[in-house]
Amino acid sequence: MITRLYRILLNGWTIGYNLNDLANYLKFLFSARSCCADVNLVNTFTYQYVVISLPFRIDRRNFITEQFNKLGITFRFLDAIHGRSQKSLVVNTGFINLNLLRYLSNGSLGCIASHIKAWRELLKSGQDFYLIFEDDVVLNKTEPEITILLKQLPEDFEIAYLGHGSIDSRLNVKKISASLGRPFSIRKGAYGYCISKKGAANILKQIAQINIVNGGLDTILGILLMRKKINGYVFLPSLCTVEPNFTSNIRNLSVQSKRLHYTEFHEWSSYHQIFD
């Protein structure tokens, strides 16, 4: 308990929480409901569905394939980076600072590096944006329904969360339309989101400046949102959730009950040789 409290306090210190952050939250909390009626909406666009997944997690890949096929969604897998066996790929992203490398788990680092891989790929693609999912996501909308919702996005969006975890809509988001909200910060939602090229470039430019000793990608994106470094939205109600029964490849000290996939108890070299 003392160790956890110490890490929480240390995390706040490394992030650099300050009175300005508190003032911004109070301003957000007591501000009037926002409106997006006067902004230009996304009308014509090209996009892809991308699912980040470790290549040896056949159980998760089968789960996604069956689910997305039923929803009429054409997608592709993007091979995730395994934080332990592919540590050199994590370091060589060039976007993860030394503080994160020192404190975060290999699983969290691999997750961050995998999303960075997707963002960099988006910038080189011919698409306007990607819909990025992790491989334990559960979608509750079909492809035509999602397309209709995407057309309600303002053109200035950089990231739009499709799911939002434990967000309290009364305290952390202002509803701006029937389907969209403006979040102050989101700390659980990177399992499903839409990101534009501008958003990807903006996040990559700033991610190395964020220092944390707890959390991972969700925390980093939440800080950028909180400080208005990226322009974010969230779909309301949530379009997706997470399947909780999968074993994990990320050891999380704050969730001691999390079950690890058996590969995390053995050397991964054989999988690495097959799938690298």
C-alpha atoms as a PDB file:
ATOM      1  CA  MET A   1       0.000   0.000   0.000  1.00  0.00           C
ATOM      2  CA  ILE A   2       2.819   2.395   0.902  1.00  0.00           C
ATOM      3  CA  THR A   3       4.674   1.503  -2.303  1.00  0.00           C
ATOM      4  CA  ARG A   4       1.571   2.145  -4.406  1.00  0.00           C
ATOM      5  CA  LEU A   5       0.940   5.491  -2.709  1.00  0.00           C
ATOM      6  CA  TYR A   6       4.558   6.454  -3.311  1.00  0.00           C
ATOM      7  CA  ARG A   7       4.266   5.625  -7.020  1.00  0.00           C
ATOM      8  CA  ILE A   8       1.045   7.639  -7.321  1.00  0.00           C
ATOM      9  CA  LEU A   9       2.678  10.669  -5.709  1.00  0.00           C
ATOM     10  CA  LEU A  10       5.803  10.198  -7.824  1.00  0.00           C
ATOM     11  CA  ASN A  11       3.641   9.920 -10.922  1.00  0.00           C
ATOM     12  CA  GLY A  12       1.967  13.235 -10.115  1.00  0.00           C
ATOM     13  CA  TRP A  13       5.337  14.864  -9.618  1.00  0.00           C
ATOM     14  CA  THR A  14       6.790  13.546 -12.897  1.00  0.00           C
ATOM     15  CA  ILE A  15       3.678  14.600 -14.821  1.00  0.00           C
ATOM     16  CA  GLY A  16       3.938  18.029 -13.257  1.00  0.00           C
ATOM     17  CA  TYR A  17       0.365  18.534 -12.099  1.00  0.00           C
ATOM     18  CA  ASN A  18      -0.099  22.150 -11.103  1.00  0.00           C
ATOM     19  CA  LEU A  19      -2.647  24.756 -10.073  1.00  0.00           C
ATOM     20  CA  ASN A  20      -3.201  25.656 -13.709  1.00  0.00           C
ATOM     21  CA  ASP A  21      -4.415  22.112 -14.379  1.00  0.00           C
ATOM     22  CA  LEU A  22      -6.839  22.411 -11.461  1.00  0.00           C
ATOM     23  CA  ALA A  23      -8.052  25.797 -12.678  1.00  0.00           C
ATOM     24  CA  ASN A  24      -8.631  24.409 -16.174  1.00  0.00           C
ATOM     25  CA  TYR A  25     -10.654  21.516 -14.774  1.00  0.00           C
ATOM     26  CA  LEU A  26     -12.823  23.803 -12.643  1.00  0.00           C
ATOM     27  CA  LYS A  27     -13.378  26.017 -15.664  1.00  0.00           C
ATOM     28  CA  PHE A  28     -14.370  22.953 -17.701  1.00  0.00           C
ATOM     29  CA  LEU A  29     -16.589  21.621 -14.928  1.00  0.00           C
ATOM     30  CA  PHE A  30     -18.621  24.799 -14.543  1.00  0.00           C
ATOM     31  CA  SER A  31     -18.670  25.910 -18.167  1.00  0.00           C
ATOM     32  CA  ALA A  32     -21.844  25.868 -20.187  1.00  0.00           C
ATOM     33  CA  ARG A  33     -22.662  23.025 -22.520  1.00  0.00           C
ATOM     34  CA  SER A  34     -20.561  23.254 -25.670  1.00  0.00           C
ATOM     35  CA  CYS A  35     -22.009  23.328 -29.158  1.00  0.00           C
ATOM     36  CA  CYS A  36     -20.570  22.251 -32.484  1.00  0.00           C
ATOM     37  CA  ALA A  37     -23.374  23.507 -34.721  1.00  0.00           C
ATOM     38  CA  ASP A  38     -21.119  26.113 -36.292  1.00  0.00           C
ATOM     39  CA  VAL A  39     -18.201  23.829 -37.188  1.00  0.00           C
ATOM     40  CA  ASN A  40     -17.564  22.021 -40.432  1.00  0.00           C
ATOM     41  CA  LEU A  41     -18.295  18.313 -40.242  1.00  0.00           C
ATOM     42  CA  VAL A  42     -16.429  15.436 -41.829  1.00  0.00           C
ATOM     43  CA  ASN A  43     -18.345  14.544 -44.994  1.00  0.00           C
ATOM     44  CA  THR A  44     -16.026  12.785 -47.417  1.00  0.00           C
ATOM     45  CA  PHE A  45     -13.118  10.764 -46.129  1.00  0.00           C
ATOM     46  CA  THR A  46     -11.105   7.598 -46.549  1.00  0.00           C
ATOM     47  CA  TYR A  47     -10.230   5.386 -43.649  1.00  0.00           C
ATOM     48  CA  GLN A  48      -9.196   1.911 -42.563  1.00  0.00           C
ATOM     49  CA  TYR A  49     -10.009  -0.340 -39.642  1.00  0.00           C
ATOM     50  CA  VAL A  50      -6.747  -1.466 -38.025  1.00  0.00           C
ATOM     51  CA  VAL A  51      -6.522  -3.974 -35.178  1.00  0.00           C
ATOM     52  CA  ILE A  52      -3.289  -4.031 -33.168  1.00  0.00           C
ATOM     53  CA  SER A  53      -2.502  -7.604 -32.162  1.00  0.00           C
ATOM     54  CA  LEU A  54       0.473  -9.738 -31.203  1.00  0.00           C
ATOM     55  CA  PRO A  55       0.874 -12.315 -33.978  1.00  0.00           C
ATOM     56  CA  PHE A  56       0.954 -15.318 -31.635  1.00  0.00           C
ATOM     57  CA  ARG A  57      -2.355 -14.427 -29.921  1.00  0.00           C
ATOM     58  CA  ILE A  58      -4.437 -16.569 -32.244  1.00  0.00           C
ATOM     59  CA  ASP A  59      -7.245 -16.667 -29.676  1.00  0.00           C
ATOM     60  CA  ARG A  60      -7.663 -12.910 -29.826  1.00  0.00           C
ATOM     61  CA  ARG A  61      -7.293 -12.771 -33.608  1.00  0.00           C
ATOM     62  CA  ASN A  62     -10.009 -15.392 -34.076  1.00  0.00           C
ATOM     63  CA  PHE A  63     -12.237 -13.430 -31.688  1.00  0.00           C
ATOM     64  CA  ILE A  64     -11.810 -10.203 -33.666  1.00  0.00           C
ATOM     65  CA  THR A  65     -12.171 -11.875 -37.067  1.00  0.00           C
ATOM     66  CA  GLU A  66     -15.447 -13.577 -36.173  1.00  0.00           C
ATOM     67  CA  GLN A  67     -16.852 -10.434 -34.556  1.00  0.00           C
ATOM     68  CA  PHE A  68     -15.882  -7.956 -37.280  1.00  0.00           C
ATOM     69  CA  ASN A  69     -17.071 -10.272 -40.046  1.00  0.00           C
ATOM     70  CA  LYS A  70     -20.517 -10.379 -38.427  1.00  0.00           C
ATOM     71  CA  LEU A  71     -20.549  -6.561 -38.295  1.00  0.00           C
ATOM     72  CA  GLY A  72     -19.574  -6.262 -41.964  1.00  0.00           C
ATOM     73  CA  ILE A  73     -16.266  -4.598 -41.147  1.00  0.00           C
ATOM     74  CA  THR A  74     -13.270  -4.983 -43.437  1.00  0.00           C
ATOM     75  CA  PHE A  75     -10.114  -4.699 -41.362  1.00  0.00           C
ATOM     76  CA  ARG A  76      -6.519  -5.782 -41.148  1.00  0.00           C
ATOM     77  CA  PHE A  77      -4.204  -6.762 -38.338  1.00  0.00           C
ATOM     78  CA  LEU A  78      -1.151  -4.698 -37.504  1.00  0.00           C
ATOM     79  CA  ASP A  79       1.466  -6.801 -35.725  1.00  0.00           C
ATOM     80  CA  ALA A  80       1.988  -5.430 -32.236  1.00  0.00           C
ATOM     81  CA  ILE A  81       5.441  -5.004 -30.705  1.00  0.00           C
ATOM     82  CA  HIS A  82       6.168  -7.376 -27.846  1.00  0.00           C
ATOM     83  CA  GLY A  83       7.722  -5.216 -25.151  1.00  0.00           C
ATOM     84  CA  ARG A  84      10.002  -7.873 -23.700  1.00  0.00           C
ATOM     85  CA  SER A  85      11.358  -9.869 -26.629  1.00  0.00           C
ATOM     86  CA  GLN A  86      11.363  -6.902 -29.029  1.00  0.00           C
ATOM     87  CA  LYS A  87      12.712  -4.290 -26.620  1.00  0.00           C
ATOM     88  CA  SER A  88      15.028  -2.899 -29.284  1.00  0.00           C
ATOM     89  CA  LEU A  89      11.991  -1.981 -31.411  1.00  0.00           C
ATOM     90  CA  VAL A  90      10.523  -0.139 -28.439  1.00  0.00           C
ATOM     91  CA  VAL A  91      13.695   1.853 -27.872  1.00  0.00           C
ATOM     92  CA  ASN A  92      14.186   2.537 -31.560  1.00  0.00           C
ATOM     93  CA  THR A  93      10.800   4.196 -32.037  1.00  0.00           C
ATOM     94  CA  GLY A  94      12.574   7.417 -31.046  1.00  0.00           C
ATOM     95  CA  PHE A  95       9.381   8.697 -29.397  1.00  0.00           C
ATOM     96  CA  ILE A  96       9.590   7.055 -25.967  1.00  0.00           C
ATOM     97  CA  ASN A  97      11.678   8.958 -23.449  1.00  0.00           C
ATOM     98  CA  LEU A  98      14.141   7.537 -20.910  1.00  0.00           C
ATOM     99  CA  ASN A  99      11.798   8.099 -17.969  1.00  0.00           C
ATOM    100  CA  LEU A 100       9.165   5.805 -19.491  1.00  0.00           C
ATOM    101  CA  LEU A 101      11.795   3.199 -20.377  1.00  0.00           C
ATOM    102  CA  ARG A 102      12.975   3.225 -16.786  1.00  0.00           C
ATOM    103  CA  TYR A 103       9.636   2.960 -14.980  1.00  0.00           C
ATOM    104  CA  LEU A 104       6.995   1.366 -17.199  1.00  0.00           C
ATOM    105  CA  SER A 105       6.548  -2.373 -17.626  1.00  0.00           C
ATOM    106  CA  ASN A 106       7.642  -4.099 -20.823  1.00  0.00           C
ATOM    107  CA  GLY A 107       3.984  -4.725 -21.609  1.00  0.00           C
ATOM    108  CA  SER A 108       3.038  -1.059 -21.304  1.00  0.00           C
ATOM    109  CA  LEU A 109       6.043  -0.037 -23.403  1.00  0.00           C
ATOM    110  CA  GLY A 110       5.157  -2.572 -26.070  1.00  0.00           C
ATOM    111  CA  CYS A 111       1.601  -1.217 -26.164  1.00  0.00           C
ATOM    112  CA  ILE A 112       2.807   2.381 -26.588  1.00  0.00           C
ATOM    113  CA  ALA A 113       5.295   1.356 -29.289  1.00  0.00           C
ATOM    114  CA  SER A 114       2.585  -0.595 -31.139  1.00  0.00           C
ATOM    115  CA  HIS A 115       0.266   2.400 -31.311  1.00  0.00           C
ATOM    116  CA  ILE A 116       3.176   4.601 -32.400  1.00  0.00           C
ATOM    117  CA  LYS A 117       3.787   2.088 -35.189  1.00  0.00           C
ATOM    118  CA  ALA A 118       0.159   2.493 -36.306  1.00  0.00           C
ATOM    119  CA  TRP A 119       0.335   6.310 -36.201  1.00  0.00           C
ATOM    120  CA  ARG A 120       3.537   6.409 -38.245  1.00  0.00           C
ATOM    121  CA  GLU A 121       1.987   4.074 -40.770  1.00  0.00           C
ATOM    122  CA  LEU A 122      -1.087   6.313 -41.040  1.00  0.00           C
ATOM    123  CA  LEU A 123       1.114   9.295 -41.895  1.00  0.00           C
ATOM    124  CA  LYS A 124       2.581   7.368 -44.829  1.00  0.00           C
ATOM    125  CA  SER A 125      -0.768   6.026 -46.027  1.00  0.00           C
ATOM    126  CA  GLY A 126      -3.313   7.411 -48.460  1.00  0.00           C
ATOM    127  CA  GLN A 127      -6.019   7.378 -45.770  1.00  0.00           C
ATOM    128  CA  ASP A 128      -7.498  10.404 -44.014  1.00  0.00           C
ATOM    129  CA  PHE A 129      -7.667   8.552 -40.729  1.00  0.00           C
ATOM    130  CA  TYR A 130      -7.488   5.164 -39.049  1.00  0.00           C
ATOM    131  CA  LEU A 131      -9.942   3.492 -36.720  1.00  0.00           C
ATOM    132  CA  ILE A 132      -7.559   1.739 -34.349  1.00  0.00           C
ATOM    133  CA  PHE A 133      -8.615  -1.101 -32.073  1.00  0.00           C
ATOM    134  CA  GLU A 134      -6.873  -3.407 -29.657  1.00  0.00           C
ATOM    135  CA  ASP A 135      -7.617  -7.104 -30.054  1.00  0.00           C
ATOM    136  CA  ASP A 136      -9.893  -7.503 -27.023  1.00  0.00           C
ATOM    137  CA  VAL A 137     -12.409  -4.886 -28.135  1.00  0.00           C
ATOM    138  CA  VAL A 138     -16.145  -5.582 -28.343  1.00  0.00           C
ATOM    139  CA  LEU A 139     -17.980  -3.404 -30.889  1.00  0.00           C
ATOM    140  CA  ASN A 140     -21.712  -2.768 -30.680  1.00  0.00           C
ATOM    141  CA  LYS A 141     -22.205  -1.092 -34.071  1.00  0.00           C
ATOM    142  CA  THR A 142     -22.128  -2.331 -37.659  1.00  0.00           C
ATOM    143  CA  GLU A 143     -19.903  -0.777 -40.321  1.00  0.00           C
ATOM    144  CA  PRO A 144     -22.754   1.277 -41.901  1.00  0.00           C
ATOM    145  CA  GLU A 145     -23.770   2.587 -38.456  1.00  0.00           C
ATOM    146  CA  ILE A 146     -20.191   3.588 -37.646  1.00  0.00           C
ATOM    147  CA  THR A 147     -19.844   5.351 -41.010  1.00  0.00           C
ATOM    148  CA  ILE A 148     -22.897   7.496 -40.254  1.00  0.00           C
ATOM    149  CA  LEU A 149     -21.452   8.441 -36.864  1.00  0.00           C
ATOM    150  CA  LEU A 150     -18.048   9.305 -38.350  1.00  0.00           C
ATOM    151  CA  LYS A 151     -19.711  11.881 -40.593  1.00  0.00           C
ATOM    152  CA  GLN A 152     -20.694  13.780 -37.451  1.00  0.00           C
ATOM    153  CA  LEU A 153     -17.068  14.403 -36.508  1.00  0.00           C
ATOM    154  CA  PRO A 154     -15.880  18.017 -36.764  1.00  0.00           C
ATOM    155  CA  GLU A 155     -13.135  18.491 -39.334  1.00  0.00           C
ATOM    156  CA  ASP A 156     -10.788  19.724 -36.615  1.00  0.00           C
ATOM    157  CA  PHE A 157     -10.821  16.432 -34.719  1.00  0.00           C
ATOM    158  CA  GLU A 158      -7.469  14.806 -34.019  1.00  0.00           C
ATOM    159  CA  ILE A 159      -8.618  11.895 -31.883  1.00  0.00           C
ATOM    160  CA  ALA A 160     -12.141  10.618 -31.237  1.00  0.00           C
ATOM    161  CA  TYR A 161     -12.651   7.866 -28.689  1.00  0.00           C
ATOM    162  CA  LEU A 162     -15.105   5.128 -29.634  1.00  0.00           C
ATOM    163  CA  GLY A 163     -15.012   3.784 -26.090  1.00  0.00           C
ATOM    164  CA  HIS A 164     -14.299   5.581 -22.870  1.00  0.00           C
ATOM    165  CA  GLY A 165     -13.894   3.054 -20.074  1.00  0.00           C
ATOM    166  CA  SER A 166     -14.973   4.416 -16.707  1.00  0.00           C
ATOM    167  CA  ILE A 167     -15.499   8.022 -17.795  1.00  0.00           C
ATOM    168  CA  ASP A 168     -18.047   9.898 -15.692  1.00  0.00           C
ATOM    169  CA  SER A 169     -20.051  11.847 -18.270  1.00  0.00           C
ATOM    170  CA  ARG A 170     -21.239  14.323 -15.642  1.00  0.00           C
ATOM    171  CA  LEU A 171     -17.752  15.329 -14.511  1.00  0.00           C
ATOM    172  CA  ASN A 172     -15.394  14.717 -17.384  1.00  0.00           C
ATOM    173  CA  VAL A 173     -17.202  15.369 -20.652  1.00  0.00           C
ATOM    174  CA  LYS A 174     -19.510  18.002 -22.132  1.00  0.00           C
ATOM    175  CA  LYS A 175     -22.062  16.659 -24.568  1.00  0.00           C
ATOM    176  CA  ILE A 176     -22.070  18.716 -27.761  1.00  0.00           C
ATOM    177  CA  SER A 177     -24.473  16.730 -29.935  1.00  0.00           C
ATOM    178  CA  ALA A 178     -26.620  13.617 -29.859  1.00  0.00           C
ATOM    179  CA  SER A 179     -23.566  11.417 -30.440  1.00  0.00           C
ATOM    180  CA  LEU A 180     -20.491  13.421 -29.425  1.00  0.00           C
ATOM    181  CA  GLY A 181     -18.885  14.871 -26.337  1.00  0.00           C
ATOM    182  CA  ARG A 182     -15.855  17.005 -25.522  1.00  0.00           C
ATOM    183  CA  PRO A 183     -13.763  15.268 -22.847  1.00  0.00           C
ATOM    184  CA  PHE A 184     -11.559  17.003 -20.329  1.00  0.00           C
ATOM    185  CA  SER A 185      -9.413  13.891 -20.055  1.00  0.00           C
ATOM    186  CA  ILE A 186      -9.851  10.164 -20.726  1.00  0.00           C
ATOM    187  CA  ARG A 187      -7.677   7.548 -19.044  1.00  0.00           C
ATOM    188  CA  LYS A 188      -9.346   4.385 -20.383  1.00  0.00           C
ATOM    189  CA  GLY A 189     -10.176   4.325 -24.057  1.00  0.00           C
ATOM    190  CA  ALA A 190      -7.170   3.511 -26.238  1.00  0.00           C
ATOM    191  CA  TYR A 191      -8.755   0.146 -27.015  1.00  0.00           C
ATOM    192  CA  GLY A 192     -10.852   1.868 -29.677  1.00  0.00           C
ATOM    193  CA  TYR A 193     -10.424   5.301 -31.260  1.00  0.00           C
ATOM    194  CA  CYS A 194     -10.356   7.231 -34.499  1.00  0.00           C
ATOM    195  CA  ILE A 195      -7.238   9.277 -35.256  1.00  0.00           C
ATOM    196  CA  SER A 196      -6.546  11.713 -38.081  1.00  0.00           C
ATOM    197  CA  LYS A 197      -3.225  12.328 -39.776  1.00  0.00           C
ATOM    198  CA  LYS A 198      -3.005  15.686 -38.051  1.00  0.00           C
ATOM    199  CA  GLY A 199      -3.688  14.005 -34.719  1.00  0.00           C
ATOM    200  CA  ALA A 200      -1.063  11.330 -35.295  1.00  0.00           C
ATOM    201  CA  ALA A 201       1.564  13.912 -36.228  1.00  0.00           C
ATOM    202  CA  ASN A 202       0.643  16.095 -33.251  1.00  0.00           C
ATOM    203  CA  ILE A 203       0.850  13.257 -30.735  1.00  0.00           C
ATOM    204  CA  LEU A 204       4.152  11.992 -32.127  1.00  0.00           C
ATOM    205  CA  LYS A 205       5.571  15.489 -31.820  1.00  0.00           C
ATOM    206  CA  GLN A 206       4.677  15.702 -28.123  1.00  0.00           C
ATOM    207  CA  ILE A 207       4.685  12.179 -26.699  1.00  0.00           C
ATOM    208  CA  ALA A 208       8.347  12.192 -25.689  1.00  0.00           C
ATOM    209  CA  GLN A 209       7.701  15.237 -23.483  1.00  0.00           C
ATOM    210  CA  ILE A 210       5.280  13.319 -21.221  1.00  0.00           C
ATOM    211  CA  ASN A 211       6.803  11.775 -18.098  1.00  0.00           C
ATOM    212  CA  ILE A 212       4.955   9.099 -16.117  1.00  0.00           C
ATOM    213  CA  VAL A 213       5.931   6.287 -13.768  1.00  0.00           C
ATOM    214  CA  ASN A 214       2.443   4.709 -13.616  1.00  0.00           C
ATOM    215  CA  GLY A 215      -0.005   3.870 -16.377  1.00  0.00           C
ATOM    216  CA  GLY A 216       0.722   3.766 -20.070  1.00  0.00           C
ATOM    217  CA  LEU A 217      -0.739   4.970 -23.358  1.00  0.00           C
ATOM    218  CA  ASP A 218      -4.117   5.930 -21.858  1.00  0.00           C
ATOM    219  CA  THR A 219      -2.396   8.123 -19.294  1.00  0.00           C
ATOM    220  CA  ILE A 220      -0.221   9.835 -21.899  1.00  0.00           C
ATOM    221  CA  LEU A 221      -3.167  10.620 -24.175  1.00  0.00           C
ATOM    222  CA  GLY A 222      -5.207  11.743 -21.161  1.00  0.00           C
ATOM    223  CA  ILE A 223      -2.526  14.261 -20.199  1.00  0.00           C
ATOM    224  CA  LEU A 224      -2.354  15.648 -23.743  1.00  0.00           C
ATOM    225  CA  LEU A 225      -6.152  16.030 -23.750  1.00  0.00           C
ATOM    226  CA  MET A 226      -6.216  17.630 -20.316  1.00  0.00           C
ATOM    227  CA  ARG A 227      -3.682  20.243 -21.338  1.00  0.00           C
ATOM    228  CA  LYS A 228      -5.403  20.840 -24.680  1.00  0.00           C
ATOM    229  CA  LYS A 229      -2.382  19.693 -26.639  1.00  0.00           C
ATOM    230  CA  ILE A 230      -4.592  17.546 -28.866  1.00  0.00           C
ATOM    231  CA  ASN A 231      -8.138  18.159 -30.055  1.00  0.00           C
ATOM    232  CA  GLY A 232     -10.275  15.300 -28.808  1.00  0.00           C
ATOM    233  CA  TYR A 233     -13.855  14.075 -28.874  1.00  0.00           C
ATOM    234  CA  VAL A 234     -15.680  11.043 -27.532  1.00  0.00           C
ATOM    235  CA  PHE A 235     -18.694   9.202 -28.916  1.00  0.00           C
ATOM    236  CA  LEU A 236     -21.639   9.003 -26.531  1.00  0.00           C
ATOM    237  CA  PRO A 237     -22.834   6.457 -25.743  1.00  0.00           C
ATOM    238  CA  SER A 238     -19.743   4.297 -26.114  1.00  0.00           C
ATOM    239  CA  LEU A 239     -19.476   2.265 -29.314  1.00  0.00           C
ATOM    240  CA  CYS A 240     -17.236  -0.394 -27.818  1.00  0.00           C
ATOM    241  CA  THR A 241     -16.066  -2.051 -24.638  1.00  0.00           C
ATOM    242  CA  VAL A 242     -13.405  -4.607 -23.700  1.00  0.00           C
ATOM    243  CA  GLU A 243     -13.737  -8.368 -23.297  1.00  0.00           C
ATOM    244  CA  PRO A 244     -12.457  -8.880 -19.717  1.00  0.00           C
ATOM    245  CA  ASN A 245     -11.824 -12.627 -19.822  1.00  0.00           C
ATOM    246  CA  PHE A 246      -8.770 -12.714 -22.075  1.00  0.00           C
ATOM    247  CA  THR A 247      -5.419 -13.376 -20.458  1.00  0.00           C
ATOM    248  CA  SER A 248      -3.024 -10.471 -20.806  1.00  0.00           C
ATOM    249  CA  ASN A 249       0.497  -9.893 -22.062  1.00  0.00           C
ATOM    250  CA  ILE A 250       0.887  -6.856 -19.812  1.00  0.00           C
ATOM    251  CA  ARG A 251       1.840  -7.224 -16.166  1.00  0.00           C
ATOM    252  CA  ASN A 252      -0.028  -4.496 -14.276  1.00  0.00           C
ATOM    253  CA  LEU A 253       1.120  -3.843 -10.714  1.00  0.00           C
ATOM    254  CA  SER A 254      -2.085  -1.966  -9.912  1.00  0.00           C
ATOM    255  CA  VAL A 255      -4.260  -4.933 -10.998  1.00  0.00           C
ATOM    256  CA  GLN A 256      -2.797  -7.887  -9.156  1.00  0.00           C
ATOM    257  CA  SER A 257      -5.629 -10.168 -10.236  1.00  0.00           C
ATOM    258  CA  LYS A 258      -4.818  -9.780 -13.933  1.00  0.00           C
ATOM    259  CA  ARG A 259      -4.091 -13.173 -15.476  1.00  0.00           C
ATOM    260  CA  LEU A 260      -1.081 -13.345 -17.770  1.00  0.00           C
ATOM    261  CA  HIS A 261      -1.004 -15.358 -20.972  1.00  0.00           C
ATOM    262  CA  TYR A 262       1.136 -18.482 -20.621  1.00  0.00           C
ATOM    263  CA  THR A 263       3.697 -17.145 -23.102  1.00  0.00           C
ATOM    264  CA  GLU A 264       4.684 -14.484 -20.567  1.00  0.00           C
ATOM    265  CA  PHE A 265       5.973 -17.195 -18.276  1.00  0.00           C
ATOM    266  CA  HIS A 266       8.257 -18.690 -20.932  1.00  0.00           C
ATOM    267  CA  GLU A 267      10.830 -17.436 -23.378  1.00  0.00           C
ATOM    268  CA  TRP A 268       9.192 -15.961 -26.484  1.00  0.00           C
ATOM    269  CA  SER A 269      12.133 -16.639 -28.788  1.00  0.00           C
ATOM    270  CA  SER A 270      10.381 -19.388 -30.740  1.00  0.00           C
ATOM    271  CA  TYR A 271       7.390 -17.139 -31.491  1.00  0.00           C
ATOM    272  CA  HIS A 272       9.738 -14.288 -32.298  1.00  0.00           C
ATOM    273  CA  GLN A 273      11.585 -16.407 -34.875  1.00  0.00           C
ATOM    274  CA  ILE A 274       8.350 -17.545 -36.492  1.00  0.00           C
ATOM    275  CA  PHE A 275       6.481 -14.260 -36.649  1.00  0.00           C
ATOM    276  CA  ASP A 276       9.155 -11.528 -36.743  1.00  0.00           C
END
